[in-house]
Amino acid sequence: MSATEGETGNPCIRCGACCASFRVDFARDELESNGGTVPDGLAVEVTAATCRMRGTDHASPRCAALTGRVGQNARCGIYEWRPGPCREFGVLAPLGRGDAACARARARHGLAPLPE
C-alpha cells in the first residue's frame, strides 16, 4: 500500500487484520503464470482450479504478502497484484465503515471495530 491512512482516509491502510485472520482462496487464473497478477510463489495449489495465498491456511493465519505489525504498520506487499477476494473484502472501508467480517478480524487482534 503506497498511501498512508491520513492521505486516503481509508482505515484499512496499516490495519492488516483481515490478512491475518482468514483463508484466501482464489481462481488459478489469477496467478501470474496464467496471465493474472498474483505472484506464483505466494500461492499454494488447493485444487486444479483453485489456489490459496501462502500462510492463510495455518491455525493462526497470516498471509505471506503481509508485512509489518497488524493494527499499526501492516502493509500488503502485493497490494496492486492481490487476488480477487482481497480486492472484494471490506469494500466499505474507503467510506470509513467495516462489515461483520472486518469486525471479527479486528477483534481477533484486539482492535476496535469500525463503524458499520
N, C-alpha and C. Protein backbone atom coordinates (compact mmCIF):
# COMPACT_ATOMS: atom_id res chain seq x y z
N MET A 1 0.84 -1.16 0.00
CA MET A 1 0.00 0.00 0.00
C MET A 1 0.89 1.22 0.00
N SER A 2 0.67 2.06 -0.94
CA SER A 2 1.57 3.19 -1.09
C SER A 2 1.13 4.41 -0.29
N ALA A 3 -0.16 4.54 -0.03
CA ALA A 3 -0.64 5.71 0.67
C ALA A 3 -0.76 5.42 2.16
N THR A 4 -0.78 6.46 2.95
CA THR A 4 -0.99 6.28 4.39
C THR A 4 -2.45 6.54 4.70
N GLU A 5 -2.89 6.10 5.85
CA GLU A 5 -4.28 6.28 6.24
C GLU A 5 -4.68 7.75 6.21
N GLY A 6 -3.81 8.61 6.66
CA GLY A 6 -4.12 10.03 6.67
C GLY A 6 -4.30 10.61 5.28
N GLU A 7 -3.60 10.07 4.31
CA GLU A 7 -3.70 10.58 2.95
C GLU A 7 -4.99 10.13 2.27
N THR A 8 -5.50 8.95 2.62
CA THR A 8 -6.65 8.41 1.92
C THR A 8 -7.92 8.40 2.74
N GLY A 9 -7.82 8.44 4.06
CA GLY A 9 -8.98 8.29 4.91
C GLY A 9 -9.45 6.85 4.98
N ASN A 10 -8.74 5.94 4.35
CA ASN A 10 -9.11 4.52 4.32
C ASN A 10 -8.57 3.85 5.58
N PRO A 11 -9.46 3.35 6.46
CA PRO A 11 -9.00 2.73 7.71
C PRO A 11 -8.30 1.39 7.49
N CYS A 12 -8.38 0.83 6.28
CA CYS A 12 -7.70 -0.45 6.01
C CYS A 12 -6.18 -0.25 5.93
N ILE A 13 -5.77 0.92 5.53
CA ILE A 13 -4.34 1.18 5.40
C ILE A 13 -3.72 1.05 6.79
N ARG A 14 -2.72 0.21 6.88
CA ARG A 14 -1.98 -0.07 8.11
C ARG A 14 -2.70 -0.99 9.08
N CYS A 15 -3.85 -1.55 8.73
CA CYS A 15 -4.56 -2.46 9.64
C CYS A 15 -4.05 -3.89 9.49
N GLY A 16 -4.38 -4.56 8.39
CA GLY A 16 -3.91 -5.92 8.13
C GLY A 16 -4.61 -7.02 8.89
N ALA A 17 -5.63 -6.70 9.70
CA ALA A 17 -6.31 -7.73 10.49
C ALA A 17 -6.91 -8.82 9.61
N CYS A 18 -7.50 -8.45 8.51
CA CYS A 18 -8.11 -9.46 7.63
C CYS A 18 -7.04 -10.37 7.03
N CYS A 19 -5.87 -9.83 6.76
CA CYS A 19 -4.77 -10.60 6.17
C CYS A 19 -4.19 -11.61 7.16
N ALA A 20 -4.50 -11.44 8.43
CA ALA A 20 -4.00 -12.34 9.47
C ALA A 20 -5.16 -13.00 10.21
N SER A 21 -6.29 -13.21 9.48
CA SER A 21 -7.45 -13.81 10.11
C SER A 21 -8.17 -14.85 9.25
N PHE A 22 -8.08 -14.73 7.94
CA PHE A 22 -8.90 -15.56 7.07
C PHE A 22 -8.09 -16.31 6.02
N ARG A 23 -8.63 -17.44 5.59
CA ARG A 23 -8.06 -18.19 4.46
C ARG A 23 -8.44 -17.43 3.19
N VAL A 24 -7.52 -17.36 2.24
CA VAL A 24 -7.77 -16.64 0.99
C VAL A 24 -7.60 -17.59 -0.18
N ASP A 25 -8.71 -18.07 -0.71
CA ASP A 25 -8.72 -18.93 -1.89
C ASP A 25 -9.12 -18.11 -3.10
N PHE A 26 -8.54 -18.43 -4.25
CA PHE A 26 -8.85 -17.68 -5.46
C PHE A 26 -8.64 -18.57 -6.68
N ALA A 27 -9.16 -18.13 -7.80
CA ALA A 27 -9.06 -18.90 -9.04
C ALA A 27 -7.62 -18.94 -9.54
N ARG A 28 -7.22 -20.09 -10.01
CA ARG A 28 -5.87 -20.30 -10.55
C ARG A 28 -5.55 -19.30 -11.68
N ASP A 29 -6.59 -18.84 -12.36
CA ASP A 29 -6.42 -17.87 -13.45
C ASP A 29 -5.80 -16.56 -12.98
N GLU A 30 -5.84 -16.30 -11.68
CA GLU A 30 -5.29 -15.05 -11.15
C GLU A 30 -3.78 -15.11 -10.95
N LEU A 31 -3.18 -16.29 -11.11
CA LEU A 31 -1.72 -16.42 -10.97
C LEU A 31 -1.01 -15.77 -12.16
N GLU A 32 0.15 -15.21 -11.89
CA GLU A 32 0.98 -14.60 -12.94
C GLU A 32 1.22 -15.55 -14.11
N SER A 33 1.52 -16.80 -13.79
CA SER A 33 1.83 -17.77 -14.84
C SER A 33 0.63 -18.08 -15.73
N ASN A 34 -0.55 -17.69 -15.30
CA ASN A 34 -1.76 -17.90 -16.10
C ASN A 34 -2.32 -16.58 -16.63
N GLY A 35 -1.51 -15.54 -16.64
CA GLY A 35 -1.94 -14.25 -17.16
C GLY A 35 -2.52 -13.32 -16.13
N GLY A 36 -2.55 -13.73 -14.86
CA GLY A 36 -3.08 -12.89 -13.80
C GLY A 36 -1.99 -12.03 -13.16
N THR A 37 -2.24 -11.58 -11.96
CA THR A 37 -1.31 -10.66 -11.30
C THR A 37 -0.67 -11.22 -10.03
N VAL A 38 -1.23 -12.26 -9.44
CA VAL A 38 -0.73 -12.78 -8.17
C VAL A 38 0.57 -13.57 -8.41
N PRO A 39 1.66 -13.20 -7.74
CA PRO A 39 2.92 -13.93 -7.91
C PRO A 39 2.75 -15.41 -7.53
N ASP A 40 3.18 -16.30 -8.41
CA ASP A 40 3.04 -17.74 -8.19
C ASP A 40 3.64 -18.20 -6.87
N GLY A 41 4.76 -17.64 -6.47
CA GLY A 41 5.45 -18.06 -5.26
C GLY A 41 4.69 -17.78 -3.98
N LEU A 42 3.66 -16.95 -4.04
CA LEU A 42 2.88 -16.63 -2.85
C LEU A 42 1.60 -17.46 -2.75
N ALA A 43 1.45 -18.43 -3.64
CA ALA A 43 0.24 -19.24 -3.66
C ALA A 43 0.57 -20.72 -3.55
N VAL A 44 -0.36 -21.47 -3.00
CA VAL A 44 -0.26 -22.93 -2.95
C VAL A 44 -1.50 -23.49 -3.66
N GLU A 45 -1.32 -24.61 -4.33
CA GLU A 45 -2.42 -25.23 -5.05
C GLU A 45 -3.38 -25.89 -4.06
N VAL A 46 -4.67 -25.69 -4.29
CA VAL A 46 -5.70 -26.33 -3.48
C VAL A 46 -6.39 -27.40 -4.32
N THR A 47 -6.83 -27.01 -5.51
CA THR A 47 -7.42 -27.94 -6.49
C THR A 47 -6.86 -27.57 -7.85
N ALA A 48 -7.31 -28.25 -8.87
CA ALA A 48 -6.86 -27.94 -10.23
C ALA A 48 -7.28 -26.53 -10.65
N ALA A 49 -8.32 -26.00 -10.02
CA ALA A 49 -8.83 -24.68 -10.41
C ALA A 49 -8.63 -23.61 -9.35
N THR A 50 -8.17 -23.98 -8.16
CA THR A 50 -8.12 -23.05 -7.03
C THR A 50 -6.75 -23.03 -6.37
N CYS A 51 -6.35 -21.83 -5.96
CA CYS A 51 -5.11 -21.63 -5.19
C CYS A 51 -5.45 -20.92 -3.90
N ARG A 52 -4.48 -20.88 -3.00
CA ARG A 52 -4.65 -20.21 -1.71
C ARG A 52 -3.41 -19.37 -1.45
N MET A 53 -3.61 -18.20 -0.89
CA MET A 53 -2.47 -17.38 -0.51
C MET A 53 -1.69 -18.12 0.57
N ARG A 54 -0.39 -18.22 0.35
CA ARG A 54 0.50 -18.92 1.27
C ARG A 54 0.40 -18.28 2.66
N GLY A 55 0.27 -19.13 3.67
CA GLY A 55 0.20 -18.67 5.06
C GLY A 55 -1.20 -18.51 5.59
N THR A 56 -2.21 -18.45 4.70
CA THR A 56 -3.56 -18.21 5.19
C THR A 56 -4.28 -19.48 5.62
N ASP A 57 -3.65 -20.64 5.44
CA ASP A 57 -4.30 -21.87 5.87
C ASP A 57 -3.73 -22.40 7.18
N HIS A 58 -2.93 -21.62 7.87
CA HIS A 58 -2.37 -22.02 9.16
C HIS A 58 -3.40 -21.82 10.27
N ALA A 59 -3.17 -22.46 11.42
CA ALA A 59 -4.07 -22.30 12.57
C ALA A 59 -4.16 -20.82 12.97
N SER A 60 -3.05 -20.12 12.91
CA SER A 60 -3.04 -18.67 13.10
C SER A 60 -2.66 -18.07 11.75
N PRO A 61 -3.66 -17.81 10.91
CA PRO A 61 -3.36 -17.36 9.55
C PRO A 61 -2.60 -16.04 9.51
N ARG A 62 -1.75 -15.94 8.53
CA ARG A 62 -1.07 -14.67 8.23
C ARG A 62 -0.58 -14.79 6.80
N CYS A 63 -1.12 -13.98 5.94
CA CYS A 63 -0.76 -14.02 4.53
C CYS A 63 0.73 -13.74 4.36
N ALA A 64 1.36 -14.50 3.49
CA ALA A 64 2.80 -14.32 3.23
C ALA A 64 3.11 -12.95 2.62
N ALA A 65 2.11 -12.30 2.05
CA ALA A 65 2.33 -10.98 1.45
C ALA A 65 2.21 -9.84 2.47
N LEU A 66 1.76 -10.15 3.67
CA LEU A 66 1.58 -9.12 4.70
C LEU A 66 2.91 -8.80 5.36
N THR A 67 3.22 -7.54 5.46
CA THR A 67 4.42 -7.09 6.16
C THR A 67 4.00 -6.18 7.31
N GLY A 68 4.86 -6.06 8.30
CA GLY A 68 4.59 -5.16 9.41
C GLY A 68 3.74 -5.79 10.50
N ARG A 69 3.31 -4.97 11.43
CA ARG A 69 2.55 -5.42 12.59
C ARG A 69 1.08 -5.06 12.41
N VAL A 70 0.21 -6.06 12.58
CA VAL A 70 -1.23 -5.85 12.43
C VAL A 70 -1.70 -4.74 13.35
N GLY A 71 -2.49 -3.84 12.81
CA GLY A 71 -3.07 -2.74 13.59
C GLY A 71 -2.18 -1.53 13.73
N GLN A 72 -0.95 -1.61 13.26
CA GLN A 72 -0.05 -0.47 13.41
C GLN A 72 0.56 -0.04 12.09
N ASN A 73 1.35 -0.90 11.51
CA ASN A 73 2.03 -0.52 10.27
C ASN A 73 2.01 -1.66 9.26
N ALA A 74 0.91 -2.41 9.24
CA ALA A 74 0.79 -3.53 8.31
C ALA A 74 0.63 -3.02 6.88
N ARG A 75 1.21 -3.75 5.96
CA ARG A 75 1.15 -3.41 4.53
C ARG A 75 1.02 -4.68 3.72
N CYS A 76 0.26 -4.62 2.66
CA CYS A 76 0.21 -5.73 1.71
C CYS A 76 1.35 -5.52 0.72
N GLY A 77 2.25 -6.48 0.68
CA GLY A 77 3.41 -6.38 -0.21
C GLY A 77 3.06 -6.51 -1.68
N ILE A 78 1.84 -6.97 -1.98
CA ILE A 78 1.42 -7.11 -3.38
C ILE A 78 0.08 -6.42 -3.61
N TYR A 79 -0.16 -5.35 -2.92
CA TYR A 79 -1.47 -4.67 -2.94
C TYR A 79 -2.01 -4.51 -4.37
N GLU A 80 -1.21 -4.03 -5.27
CA GLU A 80 -1.67 -3.80 -6.65
C GLU A 80 -1.94 -5.12 -7.38
N TRP A 81 -1.38 -6.22 -6.88
CA TRP A 81 -1.49 -7.52 -7.56
C TRP A 81 -2.28 -8.53 -6.73
N ARG A 82 -2.93 -8.09 -5.65
CA ARG A 82 -3.65 -9.00 -4.76
C ARG A 82 -4.80 -9.71 -5.50
N PRO A 83 -5.20 -10.90 -5.00
CA PRO A 83 -6.26 -11.65 -5.65
C PRO A 83 -7.65 -11.06 -5.39
N GLY A 84 -8.61 -11.53 -6.16
CA GLY A 84 -9.98 -11.04 -6.09
C GLY A 84 -10.59 -10.99 -4.70
N PRO A 85 -10.48 -12.06 -3.89
CA PRO A 85 -11.10 -12.00 -2.56
C PRO A 85 -10.55 -10.85 -1.71
N CYS A 86 -9.30 -10.53 -1.87
CA CYS A 86 -8.71 -9.42 -1.12
C CYS A 86 -9.23 -8.08 -1.65
N ARG A 87 -9.45 -8.00 -2.94
CA ARG A 87 -9.99 -6.77 -3.53
C ARG A 87 -11.43 -6.54 -3.10
N GLU A 88 -12.16 -7.63 -2.89
CA GLU A 88 -13.58 -7.53 -2.54
C GLU A 88 -13.81 -7.36 -1.04
N PHE A 89 -12.85 -7.76 -0.22
CA PHE A 89 -13.02 -7.68 1.23
C PHE A 89 -13.04 -6.23 1.68
N GLY A 90 -13.98 -5.91 2.53
CA GLY A 90 -14.01 -4.57 3.13
C GLY A 90 -14.25 -3.46 2.15
N VAL A 91 -15.11 -3.67 1.17
CA VAL A 91 -15.35 -2.63 0.16
C VAL A 91 -15.92 -1.36 0.76
N LEU A 92 -16.46 -1.43 1.97
CA LEU A 92 -16.98 -0.24 2.63
C LEU A 92 -15.89 0.55 3.34
N ALA A 93 -14.73 -0.07 3.52
CA ALA A 93 -13.66 0.59 4.29
C ALA A 93 -13.26 1.96 3.74
N PRO A 94 -13.21 2.15 2.41
CA PRO A 94 -12.86 3.51 1.95
C PRO A 94 -13.86 4.55 2.43
N LEU A 95 -15.05 4.10 2.83
CA LEU A 95 -16.04 5.03 3.36
C LEU A 95 -15.92 5.16 4.87
N GLY A 96 -14.92 4.48 5.46
CA GLY A 96 -14.71 4.56 6.89
C GLY A 96 -15.59 3.61 7.68
N ARG A 97 -16.17 2.61 7.01
CA ARG A 97 -17.04 1.65 7.68
C ARG A 97 -16.53 0.24 7.46
N GLY A 98 -16.85 -0.63 8.40
CA GLY A 98 -16.49 -2.03 8.27
C GLY A 98 -17.74 -2.90 8.26
N ASP A 99 -17.58 -4.15 7.87
CA ASP A 99 -18.70 -5.09 7.92
C ASP A 99 -18.44 -6.10 9.03
N ALA A 100 -19.30 -7.12 9.14
CA ALA A 100 -19.17 -8.11 10.22
C ALA A 100 -17.85 -8.87 10.14
N ALA A 101 -17.41 -9.23 8.93
CA ALA A 101 -16.14 -9.96 8.78
C ALA A 101 -14.96 -9.09 9.20
N CYS A 102 -15.02 -7.83 8.85
CA CYS A 102 -13.97 -6.89 9.27
C CYS A 102 -13.94 -6.80 10.79
N ALA A 103 -15.11 -6.70 11.41
CA ALA A 103 -15.18 -6.60 12.87
C ALA A 103 -14.60 -7.85 13.54
N ARG A 104 -14.89 -9.05 12.98
CA ARG A 104 -14.34 -10.30 13.54
C ARG A 104 -12.82 -10.31 13.43
N ALA A 105 -12.31 -9.90 12.29
CA ALA A 105 -10.86 -9.88 12.09
C ALA A 105 -10.19 -8.90 13.05
N ARG A 106 -10.76 -7.73 13.18
CA ARG A 106 -10.19 -6.72 14.07
C ARG A 106 -10.24 -7.19 15.53
N ALA A 107 -11.35 -7.82 15.93
CA ALA A 107 -11.49 -8.31 17.30
C ALA A 107 -10.45 -9.39 17.59
N ARG A 108 -10.18 -10.23 16.62
CA ARG A 108 -9.18 -11.29 16.79
C ARG A 108 -7.82 -10.71 17.17
N HIS A 109 -7.56 -9.49 16.73
CA HIS A 109 -6.26 -8.84 17.00
C HIS A 109 -6.38 -7.72 18.04
N GLY A 110 -7.48 -7.69 18.77
CA GLY A 110 -7.65 -6.71 19.84
C GLY A 110 -7.91 -5.31 19.35
N LEU A 111 -8.42 -5.17 18.16
CA LEU A 111 -8.72 -3.84 17.60
C LEU A 111 -10.21 -3.56 17.67
N ALA A 112 -10.56 -2.33 17.90
CA ALA A 112 -11.98 -1.94 17.93
C ALA A 112 -12.57 -2.04 16.53
N PRO A 113 -13.85 -2.40 16.45
CA PRO A 113 -14.48 -2.47 15.13
C PRO A 113 -14.65 -1.08 14.52
N LEU A 114 -14.69 -1.05 13.21
CA LEU A 114 -15.02 0.19 12.51
C LEU A 114 -16.53 0.37 12.59
N PRO A 115 -17.03 1.57 12.47
CA PRO A 115 -18.50 1.74 12.47
C PRO A 115 -19.10 1.00 11.28
N GLU A 116 -20.30 0.43 11.47
CA GLU A 116 -20.96 -0.28 10.35
C GLU A 116 -21.73 0.69 9.50
